[in-house]
Protein backbone atom coordinates (compact mmCIF):
# COMPACT_ATOMS: atom_id res chain seq x y z
CA MET A 1 109.09 266.14 229.84
CA ARG A 2 109.42 263.84 226.59
CA GLU A 3 109.13 260.28 227.88
CA ARG A 4 112.58 258.58 227.19
CA PRO A 5 112.94 254.88 225.54
CA ASP A 6 114.01 251.99 227.35
CA ILE A 7 117.64 251.17 226.16
CA SER A 8 118.39 248.29 228.64
CA GLN A 9 119.09 246.14 225.66
CA SER A 10 121.60 246.61 222.86
CA THR A 11 119.15 245.91 220.09
CA ASP A 12 116.98 249.08 221.84
CA LEU A 13 119.67 251.32 221.82
CA LEU A 14 120.14 250.58 217.78
CA VAL A 15 116.70 250.69 217.12
CA THR A 16 115.70 253.95 219.30
CA LEU A 17 119.30 255.38 216.85
CA LEU A 18 117.18 253.89 213.65
CA GLY A 19 114.30 255.76 214.89
CA HIS A 20 115.98 259.28 215.01
CA ALA A 21 117.82 258.97 211.56
CA ILE A 22 114.79 257.56 209.88
CA ALA A 23 113.35 260.90 211.71
CA ALA A 24 115.99 263.24 210.16
CA SER A 25 115.71 261.70 206.36
CA ARG A 26 111.91 261.58 206.77
CA PHE A 27 112.20 265.43 207.87
CA ALA A 28 114.20 266.31 205.37
CA CYS A 29 111.98 264.33 202.37
CA GLN A 30 109.05 266.24 203.46
CA ASP A 31 106.32 268.34 200.58
CA LEU A 32 108.91 266.98 198.03
CA SER A 33 108.70 268.35 195.00
CA ASP A 34 108.69 266.45 191.63
CA GLU A 35 111.16 269.83 190.44
CA GLU A 36 113.41 269.18 193.21
CA TYR A 37 113.25 265.16 192.47
CA PHE A 38 115.07 265.64 189.00
CA TRP A 39 116.66 269.22 189.85
CA GLU A 40 120.54 268.76 188.88
CA PRO A 41 122.71 271.13 190.87
CA VAL A 42 125.43 270.94 188.32
CA THR A 43 126.24 269.89 185.32
CA PRO A 44 126.92 266.69 184.41
CA CYS A 45 124.88 265.07 187.23
CA TRP A 46 124.16 261.12 188.44
CA GLY A 47 120.50 260.78 188.93
CA VAL A 48 116.79 259.20 187.96
CA ARG A 49 115.61 259.20 184.63
CA ARG A 50 114.29 257.64 182.20
CA ARG A 51 116.04 254.50 180.56
CA SER A 52 115.56 255.79 176.94
CA GLU A 53 117.45 259.37 178.34
CA SER A 54 120.46 258.00 179.84
CA ALA A 55 123.38 257.18 179.00
CA ALA A 56 125.48 256.76 182.12
CA PRO A 57 127.84 253.79 181.72
CA THR A 58 125.84 251.85 184.62
CA GLN A 59 122.06 251.88 185.71
CA TRP A 60 120.65 250.28 188.14
CA GLY A 61 116.70 249.43 187.88
CA ARG A 62 114.77 246.87 185.98
CA GLY A 63 111.52 249.41 184.91
CA GLU A 64 111.09 252.24 182.82
CA TRP A 65 112.84 254.76 185.65
CA ILE A 66 116.50 253.64 186.35
CA VAL A 67 119.17 255.32 188.69
CA GLU A 68 122.63 256.46 186.73
CA MET A 69 126.07 254.53 188.54
CA TRP A 70 129.61 255.44 187.19
CA GLY A 71 130.59 252.39 186.77
CA ASP A 72 134.30 252.22 186.25
CA GLU A 73 134.34 256.35 185.98
CA PRO A 74 135.19 258.68 188.81
CA PRO A 75 131.59 259.54 190.97
CA GLN A 76 129.60 262.46 189.76
CA VAL A 77 127.43 264.87 191.61
CA THR A 78 124.41 263.31 192.63
CA THR A 79 120.81 264.45 192.68
CA ILE A 80 118.01 264.43 195.55
CA GLY A 81 116.05 261.52 193.57
CA TRP A 82 119.34 259.49 193.25
CA ARG A 83 119.85 260.00 196.95
CA LEU A 84 116.45 259.34 197.66
CA ALA A 85 116.31 256.02 195.40
CA HIS A 86 119.09 255.16 197.03
CA LEU A 87 117.42 255.15 200.35
CA ALA A 88 114.42 253.95 199.58
CA VAL A 89 116.05 251.04 197.37
CA GLY A 90 118.55 250.29 199.23
CA GLY A 91 116.10 249.99 202.52
CA GLU A 92 114.02 247.56 200.41
CA VAL A 93 117.60 245.22 198.75
CA TYR A 94 119.01 245.33 203.02
CA LEU A 95 115.80 244.33 204.25
CA ASP A 96 115.30 241.37 201.60
CA ARG A 97 119.21 240.46 202.30
CA THR A 98 118.88 240.85 205.90
CA PHE A 99 115.42 239.14 206.76
CA GLY A 100 114.27 238.02 203.08
CA THR A 101 114.50 235.63 200.42
CA GLU A 102 118.57 237.06 199.65
CA SER A 103 117.98 237.42 196.36
CA MET A 104 117.28 240.87 195.44
CA ASN A 105 119.58 243.20 194.42
CA PHE A 106 119.96 247.11 192.80
CA SER A 107 119.11 246.01 189.19
CA ASP A 108 115.67 243.96 190.22
CA ALA A 109 114.34 247.43 192.31
CA GLU A 110 111.56 249.44 190.68
CA ILE A 111 112.77 252.90 190.45
CA PRO A 112 110.09 255.78 191.56
CA GLY A 113 109.64 257.64 188.94
CA SER A 114 108.25 260.83 191.29
CA ALA A 115 109.22 262.11 194.27
CA VAL A 116 105.68 260.99 196.11
CA GLU A 117 106.72 257.86 194.49
CA ALA A 118 109.62 257.77 196.00
CA VAL A 119 108.93 259.37 199.66
CA ASP A 120 106.18 256.93 200.06
CA LEU A 121 108.71 253.83 199.12
CA LEU A 122 111.10 255.32 201.67
CA HIS A 123 108.46 255.32 204.08
CA LYS A 124 107.45 251.70 203.40
CA ASN A 125 110.73 250.53 203.63
CA GLN A 126 111.76 252.44 206.71
CA ASP A 127 108.47 251.63 208.66
CA ALA A 128 109.21 247.64 207.69
CA MET A 129 112.77 247.93 208.86
CA LEU A 130 112.40 249.43 212.18
CA GLU A 131 109.82 246.64 212.91
CA CYS A 132 112.47 243.57 211.68
CA PHE A 133 115.02 245.42 213.53
CA ALA A 134 112.51 245.76 216.61
CA ALA A 135 112.01 241.99 216.50
CA ILE A 136 115.43 241.37 216.99
CA ASP A 137 116.69 240.30 220.44
CA ASP A 138 120.57 240.97 222.01
CA GLY A 139 121.42 237.16 220.93
CA GLU A 140 121.59 237.81 217.44
CA LEU A 141 123.01 240.83 217.04
CA THR A 142 126.46 238.88 216.41
CA ALA A 143 124.78 236.57 213.95
CA PRO A 144 126.26 236.43 210.43
CA THR A 145 124.29 238.22 208.12
CA PRO A 146 124.28 238.20 204.33
CA THR A 147 124.88 241.48 202.58
CA HIS A 148 123.97 242.72 199.11
CA TRP A 149 128.00 243.46 198.15
CA GLY A 150 128.51 239.74 198.93
CA GLU A 151 130.21 239.47 202.50
CA ASP A 152 128.30 238.09 205.90
CA LEU A 153 128.56 241.12 208.86
CA PRO A 154 127.55 240.53 212.16
CA LEU A 155 123.59 241.71 212.51
CA TRP A 156 124.78 244.74 215.14
CA GLN A 157 126.80 245.95 212.01
CA MET A 158 123.39 245.72 209.64
CA VAL A 159 121.28 248.11 212.28
CA TRP A 160 124.24 250.31 212.36
CA THR A 161 124.85 250.58 208.48
CA ALA A 162 120.78 251.16 208.16
CA VAL A 163 121.10 254.38 210.54
CA VAL A 164 124.49 255.73 209.35
CA GLU A 165 122.60 255.93 205.19
CA GLN A 166 119.58 257.26 206.94
CA PHE A 167 121.04 260.07 208.51
CA HIS A 168 123.67 260.22 205.44
CA HIS A 169 121.40 260.36 202.60
CA GLY A 170 118.64 262.46 204.46
CA ALA A 171 120.92 265.00 205.36
CA GLU A 172 122.82 265.05 202.12
CA ILE A 173 119.01 265.90 200.74
CA GLY A 174 118.81 268.92 203.45
CA VAL A 175 121.65 270.17 202.06
CA LEU A 176 120.53 270.26 198.52
CA ARG A 177 117.15 271.68 200.01
CA ASP A 178 118.20 274.67 201.84
């Protein structure tokens, strides 16, 4: 019989949920190839591209590789690479805003140019997220916490947002890979 985690505290429950969400997103990304990372299920599609190859009105990322965004245009279907970069880089931005210098944003991020790099970054940031959130005690859960969109929210809501993002984008990746 599987050992049950101790969830006597609210933080324990949130971190346990985050762990399950991370496991699900990692499963969806297991053995991901570059072909899948860059595959476009429809045309046009927002994705991860070399800066020189993108005509997207809005882009984020500071290096050779960028993630395309829609600016004022309606959103388009996104690639597995877009969703994975959003999860991996989003985790990095969330961590900086919640526990770091509060200075990083999506435009500052180095966007992974391959599936292996993206999955590695995802795992690194997921591990850091679990470690940071596991160190929180229940008394801190209601503390106002800065977000990358400029709003202060209770810390518990940032943990919950991380849970939702992991399940949401991990499921989207899984659907596109089925």
